[in-house]
């Protein structure tokens, strides 16, 4: 893992891509209800906020393990959001 800036970029890119995928789904499915898709966007934004707060936490003793855990959480939550997008069908 590189540094804090790279981790912040990864969080931004992953969750930004997920939000973009939801918008694309909505654009391609204009006749369908968007309540579930909007909930996915809200969840992605909440996840972004939570992860950035964790990244900016200065009171961490083992920074390497802390950032590794954040990266793992990003991957887990990102996959869960992608699964939700795939189930919108």
PDB file of N, CA and C in Angstrom:
ATOM      1  N   UNK A   1       0.848  -1.169   0.000  1.00  0.00           N
ATOM      2  CA  UNK A   1       0.000   0.000   0.000  1.00  0.00           C
ATOM      3  C   UNK A   1       0.891   1.228   0.000  1.00  0.00           C
ATOM      4  N   UNK A   2       0.550   2.202  -0.820  1.00  0.00           N
ATOM      5  CA  UNK A   2       1.343   3.403  -0.981  1.00  0.00           C
ATOM      6  C   UNK A   2       1.269   4.331   0.214  1.00  0.00           C
ATOM      7  N   UNK A   3       0.397   5.282   0.142  1.00  0.00           N
ATOM      8  CA  UNK A   3       0.293   6.258   1.221  1.00  0.00           C
ATOM      9  C   UNK A   3      -1.160   6.689   1.399  1.00  0.00           C
ATOM     10  N   UNK A   4      -1.352   7.636   2.305  1.00  0.00           N
ATOM     11  CA  UNK A   4      -2.701   8.094   2.627  1.00  0.00           C
ATOM     12  C   UNK A   4      -3.384   8.700   1.408  1.00  0.00           C
ATOM     13  N   UNK A   5      -2.647   9.471   0.640  1.00  0.00           N
ATOM     14  CA  UNK A   5      -3.228  10.112  -0.544  1.00  0.00           C
ATOM     15  C   UNK A   5      -3.739   9.065  -1.538  1.00  0.00           C
ATOM     16  N   UNK A   6      -2.963   8.004  -1.729  1.00  0.00           N
ATOM     17  CA  UNK A   6      -3.396   6.932  -2.640  1.00  0.00           C
ATOM     18  C   UNK A   6      -4.642   6.224  -2.123  1.00  0.00           C
ATOM     19  N   UNK A   7      -4.703   6.013  -0.817  1.00  0.00           N
ATOM     20  CA  UNK A   7      -5.875   5.369  -0.231  1.00  0.00           C
ATOM     21  C   UNK A   7      -7.115   6.244  -0.416  1.00  0.00           C
ATOM     22  N   UNK A   8      -6.966   7.545  -0.205  1.00  0.00           N
ATOM     23  CA  UNK A   8      -8.086   8.467  -0.406  1.00  0.00           C
ATOM     24  C   UNK A   8      -8.540   8.453  -1.867  1.00  0.00           C
ATOM     25  N   UNK A   9      -7.585   8.397  -2.791  1.00  0.00           N
ATOM     26  CA  UNK A   9      -7.931   8.332  -4.215  1.00  0.00           C
ATOM     27  C   UNK A   9      -8.673   7.044  -4.529  1.00  0.00           C
ATOM     28  N   UNK A  10      -8.197   5.931  -3.957  1.00  0.00           N
ATOM     29  CA  UNK A  10      -8.864   4.643  -4.184  1.00  0.00           C
ATOM     30  C   UNK A  10     -10.308   4.688  -3.695  1.00  0.00           C
ATOM     31  N   UNK A  11     -10.508   5.240  -2.498  1.00  0.00           N
ATOM     32  CA  UNK A  11     -11.861   5.352  -1.947  1.00  0.00           C
ATOM     33  C   UNK A  11     -12.726   6.181  -2.887  1.00  0.00           C
ATOM     34  N   UNK A  12     -12.191   7.300  -3.323  1.00  0.00           N
ATOM     35  CA  UNK A  12     -12.929   8.202  -4.211  1.00  0.00           C
ATOM     36  C   UNK A  12     -13.263   7.527  -5.540  1.00  0.00           C
ATOM     37  N   UNK A  13     -12.288   6.869  -6.143  1.00  0.00           N
ATOM     38  CA  UNK A  13     -12.510   6.238  -7.445  1.00  0.00           C
ATOM     39  C   UNK A  13     -13.497   5.079  -7.356  1.00  0.00           C
ATOM     40  N   UNK A  14     -13.316   4.207  -6.372  1.00  0.00           N
ATOM     41  CA  UNK A  14     -14.178   3.024  -6.262  1.00  0.00           C
ATOM     42  C   UNK A  14     -15.626   3.440  -6.036  1.00  0.00           C
ATOM     43  N   UNK A  15     -15.844   4.294  -5.047  1.00  0.00           N
ATOM     44  CA  UNK A  15     -17.215   4.681  -4.735  1.00  0.00           C
ATOM     45  C   UNK A  15     -17.793   5.599  -5.815  1.00  0.00           C
ATOM     46  N   UNK A  16     -16.958   6.407  -6.434  1.00  0.00           N
ATOM     47  CA  UNK A  16     -17.411   7.239  -7.555  1.00  0.00           C
ATOM     48  C   UNK A  16     -17.851   6.389  -8.732  1.00  0.00           C
ATOM     49  N   UNK A  17     -17.099   5.336  -9.011  1.00  0.00           N
ATOM     50  CA  UNK A  17     -17.472   4.430 -10.105  1.00  0.00           C
ATOM     51  C   UNK A  17     -18.777   3.699  -9.804  1.00  0.00           C
ATOM     52  N   UNK A  18     -18.976   3.357  -8.549  1.00  0.00           N
ATOM     53  CA  UNK A  18     -20.220   2.683  -8.166  1.00  0.00           C
ATOM     54  C   UNK A  18     -21.408   3.624  -8.368  1.00  0.00           C
ATOM     55  N   UNK A  19     -21.258   4.864  -7.939  1.00  0.00           N
ATOM     56  CA  UNK A  19     -22.330   5.851  -8.123  1.00  0.00           C
ATOM     57  C   UNK A  19     -22.592   6.071  -9.613  1.00  0.00           C
ATOM     58  N   UNK A  20     -21.531   6.148 -10.386  1.00  0.00           N
ATOM     59  CA  UNK A  20     -21.680   6.319 -11.831  1.00  0.00           C
ATOM     60  C   UNK A  20     -22.424   5.124 -12.452  1.00  0.00           C
ATOM     61  N   UNK A  21     -22.128   3.926 -11.985  1.00  0.00           N
ATOM     62  CA  UNK A  21     -22.812   2.734 -12.492  1.00  0.00           C
ATOM     63  C   UNK A  21     -24.305   2.789 -12.183  1.00  0.00           C
ATOM     64  N   UNK A  22     -24.657   3.311 -11.021  1.00  0.00           N
ATOM     65  CA  UNK A  22     -26.075   3.446 -10.673  1.00  0.00           C
ATOM     66  C   UNK A  22     -26.750   4.456 -11.603  1.00  0.00           C
ATOM     67  N   UNK A  23     -26.075   5.572 -11.848  1.00  0.00           N
ATOM     68  CA  UNK A  23     -26.644   6.573 -12.758  1.00  0.00           C
ATOM     69  C   UNK A  23     -26.837   6.001 -14.160  1.00  0.00           C
ATOM     70  N   UNK A  24     -25.894   5.202 -14.614  1.00  0.00           N
ATOM     71  CA  UNK A  24     -26.019   4.567 -15.928  1.00  0.00           C
ATOM     72  C   UNK A  24     -27.210   3.616 -15.935  1.00  0.00           C
ATOM     73  N   UNK A  25     -27.361   2.838 -14.858  1.00  0.00           N
ATOM     74  CA  UNK A  25     -28.516   1.932 -14.759  1.00  0.00           C
ATOM     75  C   UNK A  25     -29.813   2.734 -14.815  1.00  0.00           C
ATOM     76  N   UNK A  26     -29.871   3.837 -14.058  1.00  0.00           N
ATOM     77  CA  UNK A  26     -31.088   4.659 -14.052  1.00  0.00           C
ATOM     78  C   UNK A  26     -31.375   5.226 -15.441  1.00  0.00           C
ATOM     79  N   UNK A  27     -30.334   5.658 -16.127  1.00  0.00           N
ATOM     80  CA  UNK A  27     -30.492   6.217 -17.468  1.00  0.00           C
ATOM     81  C   UNK A  27     -31.032   5.171 -18.438  1.00  0.00           C
ATOM     82  N   UNK A  28     -30.564   3.942 -18.303  1.00  0.00           N
ATOM     83  CA  UNK A  28     -30.979   2.871 -19.198  1.00  0.00           C
ATOM     84  C   UNK A  28     -32.307   2.229 -18.794  1.00  0.00           C
ATOM     85  N   UNK A  29     -32.805   2.557 -17.613  1.00  0.00           N
ATOM     86  CA  UNK A  29     -34.044   1.963 -17.109  1.00  0.00           C
ATOM     87  C   UNK A  29     -34.976   3.059 -16.600  1.00  0.00           C
ATOM     88  N   UNK A  30     -35.275   4.007 -17.459  1.00  0.00           N
ATOM     89  CA  UNK A  30     -36.062   5.170 -17.045  1.00  0.00           C
ATOM     90  C   UNK A  30     -37.474   4.810 -16.599  1.00  0.00           C
ATOM     91  N   UNK A  31     -37.987   3.681 -17.033  1.00  0.00           N
ATOM     92  CA  UNK A  31     -39.353   3.304 -16.653  1.00  0.00           C
ATOM     93  C   UNK A  31     -39.420   2.629 -15.282  1.00  0.00           C
ATOM     94  N   UNK A  32     -38.273   2.273 -14.714  1.00  0.00           N
ATOM     95  CA  UNK A  32     -38.259   1.555 -13.443  1.00  0.00           C
ATOM     96  C   UNK A  32     -38.159   2.519 -12.260  1.00  0.00           C
ATOM     97  N   UNK A  33     -38.632   2.065 -11.117  1.00  0.00           N
ATOM     98  CA  UNK A  33     -38.583   2.845  -9.879  1.00  0.00           C
ATOM     99  C   UNK A  33     -37.120   3.007  -9.434  1.00  0.00           C
ATOM    100  N   UNK A  34     -36.778   4.195  -8.985  1.00  0.00           N
ATOM    101  CA  UNK A  34     -35.384   4.469  -8.621  1.00  0.00           C
ATOM    102  C   UNK A  34     -35.140   4.494  -7.113  1.00  0.00           C
ATOM    103  N   UNK A  35     -36.098   4.071  -6.317  1.00  0.00           N
ATOM    104  CA  UNK A  35     -35.900   4.106  -4.862  1.00  0.00           C
ATOM    105  C   UNK A  35     -34.720   3.239  -4.431  1.00  0.00           C
ATOM    106  N   UNK A  36     -34.624   2.034  -4.977  1.00  0.00           N
ATOM    107  CA  UNK A  36     -33.519   1.139  -4.609  1.00  0.00           C
ATOM    108  C   UNK A  36     -32.183   1.667  -5.120  1.00  0.00           C
ATOM    109  N   UNK A  37     -32.172   2.208  -6.333  1.00  0.00           N
ATOM    110  CA  UNK A  37     -30.921   2.725  -6.874  1.00  0.00           C
ATOM    111  C   UNK A  37     -30.462   3.967  -6.110  1.00  0.00           C
ATOM    112  N   UNK A  38     -31.401   4.811  -5.728  1.00  0.00           N
ATOM    113  CA  UNK A  38     -31.040   5.997  -4.940  1.00  0.00           C
ATOM    114  C   UNK A  38     -30.512   5.588  -3.566  1.00  0.00           C
ATOM    115  N   UNK A  39     -31.046   4.508  -3.003  1.00  0.00           N
ATOM    116  CA  UNK A  39     -30.554   4.003  -1.720  1.00  0.00           C
ATOM    117  C   UNK A  39     -29.105   3.522  -1.845  1.00  0.00           C
ATOM    118  N   UNK A  40     -28.768   2.936  -2.991  1.00  0.00           N
ATOM    119  CA  UNK A  40     -27.390   2.490  -3.223  1.00  0.00           C
ATOM    120  C   UNK A  40     -26.458   3.704  -3.268  1.00  0.00           C
ATOM    121  N   UNK A  41     -26.887   4.757  -3.933  1.00  0.00           N
ATOM    122  CA  UNK A  41     -26.078   5.981  -3.994  1.00  0.00           C
ATOM    123  C   UNK A  41     -25.885   6.552  -2.590  1.00  0.00           C
ATOM    124  N   UNK A  42     -26.963   6.611  -1.813  1.00  0.00           N
ATOM    125  CA  UNK A  42     -26.862   7.111  -0.440  1.00  0.00           C
ATOM    126  C   UNK A  42     -25.893   6.269   0.383  1.00  0.00           C
ATOM    127  N   UNK A  43     -25.963   4.958   0.219  1.00  0.00           N
ATOM    128  CA  UNK A  43     -25.068   4.061   0.952  1.00  0.00           C
ATOM    129  C   UNK A  43     -23.610   4.267   0.528  1.00  0.00           C
ATOM    130  N   UNK A  44     -23.386   4.487  -0.759  1.00  0.00           N
ATOM    131  CA  UNK A  44     -22.025   4.739  -1.244  1.00  0.00           C
ATOM    132  C   UNK A  44     -21.471   6.034  -0.646  1.00  0.00           C
ATOM    133  N   UNK A  45     -22.304   7.045  -0.559  1.00  0.00           N
ATOM    134  CA  UNK A  45     -21.868   8.326   0.015  1.00  0.00           C
ATOM    135  C   UNK A  45     -21.575   8.163   1.504  1.00  0.00           C
ATOM    136  N   UNK A  46     -22.431   7.436   2.215  1.00  0.00           N
ATOM    137  CA  UNK A  46     -22.190   7.177   3.638  1.00  0.00           C
ATOM    138  C   UNK A  46     -20.891   6.404   3.833  1.00  0.00           C
ATOM    139  N   UNK A  47     -20.658   5.409   2.996  1.00  0.00           N
ATOM    140  CA  UNK A  47     -19.436   4.616   3.074  1.00  0.00           C
ATOM    141  C   UNK A  47     -18.225   5.497   2.834  1.00  0.00           C
ATOM    142  N   UNK A  48     -18.308   6.376   1.836  1.00  0.00           N
ATOM    143  CA  UNK A  48     -17.215   7.315   1.556  1.00  0.00           C
ATOM    144  C   UNK A  48     -16.907   8.149   2.797  1.00  0.00           C
ATOM    145  N   UNK A  49     -17.945   8.726   3.378  1.00  0.00           N
ATOM    146  CA  UNK A  49     -17.758   9.577   4.562  1.00  0.00           C
ATOM    147  C   UNK A  49     -17.123   8.806   5.714  1.00  0.00           C
ATOM    148  N   UNK A  50     -17.622   7.594   5.972  1.00  0.00           N
ATOM    149  CA  UNK A  50     -17.085   6.775   7.059  1.00  0.00           C
ATOM    150  C   UNK A  50     -15.610   6.444   6.842  1.00  0.00           C
ATOM    151  N   UNK A  51     -15.266   6.045   5.621  1.00  0.00           N
ATOM    152  CA  UNK A  51     -13.885   5.649   5.342  1.00  0.00           C
ATOM    153  C   UNK A  51     -12.930   6.841   5.406  1.00  0.00           C
ATOM    154  N   UNK A  52     -13.357   7.991   4.924  1.00  0.00           N
ATOM    155  CA  UNK A  52     -12.498   9.179   4.976  1.00  0.00           C
ATOM    156  C   UNK A  52     -12.253   9.596   6.420  1.00  0.00           C
ATOM    157  N   UNK A  53     -13.280   9.505   7.268  1.00  0.00           N
ATOM    158  CA  UNK A  53     -13.095   9.813   8.695  1.00  0.00           C
ATOM    159  C   UNK A  53     -12.053   8.872   9.294  1.00  0.00           C
ATOM    160  N   UNK A  54     -12.132   7.592   8.941  1.00  0.00           N
ATOM    161  CA  UNK A  54     -11.163   6.620   9.457  1.00  0.00           C
ATOM    162  C   UNK A  54      -9.751   6.917   8.945  1.00  0.00           C
ATOM    163  N   UNK A  55      -9.630   7.300   7.688  1.00  0.00           N
ATOM    164  CA  UNK A  55      -8.316   7.618   7.123  1.00  0.00           C
ATOM    165  C   UNK A  55      -7.707   8.824   7.841  1.00  0.00           C
ATOM    166  N   UNK A  56      -8.530   9.800   8.161  1.00  0.00           N
ATOM    167  CA  UNK A  56      -8.043  11.033   8.779  1.00  0.00           C
ATOM    168  C   UNK A  56      -7.839  10.929  10.289  1.00  0.00           C
ATOM    169  N   UNK A  57      -8.145   9.770  10.880  1.00  0.00           N
ATOM    170  CA  UNK A  57      -7.974   9.578  12.321  1.00  0.00           C
ATOM    171  C   UNK A  57      -6.483   9.589  12.661  1.00  0.00           C
ATOM    172  N   UNK A  58      -6.070  10.558  13.444  1.00  0.00           N
ATOM    173  CA  UNK A  58      -4.654  10.711  13.790  1.00  0.00           C
ATOM    174  C   UNK A  58      -4.262   9.944  15.061  1.00  0.00           C
ATOM    175  N   UNK A  59      -5.233   9.363  15.760  1.00  0.00           N
ATOM    176  CA  UNK A  59      -4.968   8.718  17.047  1.00  0.00           C
ATOM    177  C   UNK A  59      -4.665   7.228  16.913  1.00  0.00           C
ATOM    178  N   UNK A  60      -4.331   6.791  15.727  1.00  0.00           N
ATOM    179  CA  UNK A  60      -4.083   5.374  15.474  1.00  0.00           C
ATOM    180  C   UNK A  60      -2.637   5.045  15.831  1.00  0.00           C
ATOM    181  N   UNK A  61      -2.456   3.926  16.537  1.00  0.00           N
ATOM    182  CA  UNK A  61      -1.098   3.534  16.914  1.00  0.00           C
ATOM    183  C   UNK A  61      -0.378   2.819  15.779  1.00  0.00           C
ATOM    184  N   UNK A  62      -1.008   1.807  15.203  1.00  0.00           N
ATOM    185  CA  UNK A  62      -0.386   1.054  14.117  1.00  0.00           C
ATOM    186  C   UNK A  62      -1.014   1.502  12.793  1.00  0.00           C
ATOM    187  N   UNK A  63      -0.415   2.509  12.187  1.00  0.00           N
ATOM    188  CA  UNK A  63      -0.991   3.097  10.975  1.00  0.00           C
ATOM    189  C   UNK A  63      -1.080   2.097   9.826  1.00  0.00           C
ATOM    190  N   UNK A  64      -0.055   1.285   9.663  1.00  0.00           N
ATOM    191  CA  UNK A  64      -0.048   0.339   8.543  1.00  0.00           C
ATOM    192  C   UNK A  64      -1.227  -0.634   8.641  1.00  0.00           C
ATOM    193  N   UNK A  65      -1.446  -1.189   9.821  1.00  0.00           N
ATOM    194  CA  UNK A  65      -2.562  -2.119  10.012  1.00  0.00           C
ATOM    195  C   UNK A  65      -3.897  -1.391   9.870  1.00  0.00           C
ATOM    196  N   UNK A  66      -3.962  -0.160  10.353  1.00  0.00           N
ATOM    197  CA  UNK A  66      -5.180   0.640  10.266  1.00  0.00           C
ATOM    198  C   UNK A  66      -5.557   0.892   8.807  1.00  0.00           C
ATOM    199  N   UNK A  67      -4.601   1.315   8.001  1.00  0.00           N
ATOM    200  CA  UNK A  67      -4.870   1.600   6.593  1.00  0.00           C
ATOM    201  C   UNK A  67      -5.167   0.327   5.811  1.00  0.00           C
ATOM    202  N   UNK A  68      -4.529  -0.766   6.186  1.00  0.00           N
ATOM    203  CA  UNK A  68      -4.801  -2.045   5.533  1.00  0.00           C
ATOM    204  C   UNK A  68      -6.244  -2.472   5.813  1.00  0.00           C
ATOM    205  N   UNK A  69      -6.697  -2.250   7.049  1.00  0.00           N
ATOM    206  CA  UNK A  69      -8.077  -2.581   7.409  1.00  0.00           C
ATOM    207  C   UNK A  69      -9.069  -1.703   6.651  1.00  0.00           C
ATOM    208  N   UNK A  70      -8.741  -0.429   6.482  1.00  0.00           N
ATOM    209  CA  UNK A  70      -9.610   0.476   5.712  1.00  0.00           C
ATOM    210  C   UNK A  70      -9.706   0.009   4.264  1.00  0.00           C
ATOM    211  N   UNK A  71      -8.577  -0.384   3.703  1.00  0.00           N
ATOM    212  CA  UNK A  71      -8.543  -0.871   2.323  1.00  0.00           C
ATOM    213  C   UNK A  71      -9.404  -2.129   2.183  1.00  0.00           C
ATOM    214  N   UNK A  72      -9.319  -3.036   3.162  1.00  0.00           N
ATOM    215  CA  UNK A  72     -10.129  -4.254   3.136  1.00  0.00           C
ATOM    216  C   UNK A  72     -11.614  -3.914   3.267  1.00  0.00           C
ATOM    217  N   UNK A  73     -11.927  -2.942   4.113  1.00  0.00           N
ATOM    218  CA  UNK A  73     -13.325  -2.520   4.287  1.00  0.00           C
ATOM    219  C   UNK A  73     -13.870  -1.905   3.002  1.00  0.00           C
ATOM    220  N   UNK A  74     -13.042  -1.112   2.328  1.00  0.00           N
ATOM    221  CA  UNK A  74     -13.439  -0.532   1.042  1.00  0.00           C
ATOM    222  C   UNK A  74     -13.774  -1.638   0.047  1.00  0.00           C
ATOM    223  N   UNK A  75     -12.929  -2.646  -0.004  1.00  0.00           N
ATOM    224  CA  UNK A  75     -13.158  -3.747  -0.949  1.00  0.00           C
ATOM    225  C   UNK A  75     -14.448  -4.497  -0.608  1.00  0.00           C
ATOM    226  N   UNK A  76     -14.660  -4.796   0.665  1.00  0.00           N
ATOM    227  CA  UNK A  76     -15.853  -5.527   1.094  1.00  0.00           C
ATOM    228  C   UNK A  76     -17.122  -4.735   0.809  1.00  0.00           C
ATOM    229  N   UNK A  77     -17.134  -3.473   1.219  1.00  0.00           N
ATOM    230  CA  UNK A  77     -18.333  -2.649   1.028  1.00  0.00           C
ATOM    231  C   UNK A  77     -18.558  -2.344  -0.452  1.00  0.00           C
ATOM    232  N   UNK A  78     -17.471  -2.160  -1.194  1.00  0.00           N
ATOM    233  CA  UNK A  78     -17.588  -1.916  -2.632  1.00  0.00           C
ATOM    234  C   UNK A  78     -18.218  -3.098  -3.343  1.00  0.00           C
ATOM    235  N   UNK A  79     -17.775  -4.302  -2.996  1.00  0.00           N
ATOM    236  CA  UNK A  79     -18.347  -5.513  -3.602  1.00  0.00           C
ATOM    237  C   UNK A  79     -19.826  -5.648  -3.259  1.00  0.00           C
ATOM    238  N   UNK A  80     -20.181  -5.333  -2.007  1.00  0.00           N
ATOM    239  CA  UNK A  80     -21.585  -5.434  -1.599  1.00  0.00           C
ATOM    240  C   UNK A  80     -22.453  -4.460  -2.392  1.00  0.00           C
ATOM    241  N   UNK A  81     -21.953  -3.251  -2.617  1.00  0.00           N
ATOM    242  CA  UNK A  81     -22.699  -2.256  -3.392  1.00  0.00           C
ATOM    243  C   UNK A  81     -22.846  -2.708  -4.850  1.00  0.00           C
ATOM    244  N   UNK A  82     -21.796  -3.280  -5.398  1.00  0.00           N
ATOM    245  CA  UNK A  82     -21.844  -3.767  -6.780  1.00  0.00           C
ATOM    246  C   UNK A  82     -22.878  -4.892  -6.901  1.00  0.00           C
ATOM    247  N   UNK A  83     -22.931  -5.772  -5.892  1.00  0.00           N
ATOM    248  CA  UNK A  83     -23.941  -6.830  -5.891  1.00  0.00           C
ATOM    249  C   UNK A  83     -25.347  -6.235  -5.895  1.00  0.00           C
ATOM    250  N   UNK A  84     -25.546  -5.177  -5.139  1.00  0.00           N
ATOM    251  CA  UNK A  84     -26.857  -4.530  -5.096  1.00  0.00           C
ATOM    252  C   UNK A  84     -27.218  -3.937  -6.456  1.00  0.00           C
ATOM    253  N   UNK A  85     -26.217  -3.363  -7.134  1.00  0.00           N
ATOM    254  CA  UNK A  85     -26.463  -2.814  -8.476  1.00  0.00           C
ATOM    255  C   UNK A  85     -26.855  -3.945  -9.423  1.00  0.00           C
ATOM    256  N   UNK A  86     -26.150  -5.051  -9.336  1.00  0.00           N
ATOM    257  CA  UNK A  86     -26.432  -6.192 -10.213  1.00  0.00           C
ATOM    258  C   UNK A  86     -27.830  -6.767  -9.976  1.00  0.00           C
ATOM    259  N   UNK A  87     -28.348  -6.636  -8.771  1.00  0.00           N
ATOM    260  CA  UNK A  87     -29.668  -7.154  -8.445  1.00  0.00           C
ATOM    261  C   UNK A  87     -30.797  -6.191  -8.840  1.00  0.00           C
ATOM    262  N   UNK A  88     -30.456  -4.990  -9.255  1.00  0.00           N
ATOM    263  CA  UNK A  88     -31.497  -4.030  -9.646  1.00  0.00           C
ATOM    264  C   UNK A  88     -32.295  -4.544 -10.833  1.00  0.00           C
ATOM    265  N   UNK A  89     -31.585  -5.158 -11.770  1.00  0.00           N
ATOM    266  CA  UNK A  89     -32.149  -5.766 -12.959  1.00  0.00           C
ATOM    267  C   UNK A  89     -33.419  -5.309 -13.387  1.00  0.00           C
TER     268      UNK A  89
END
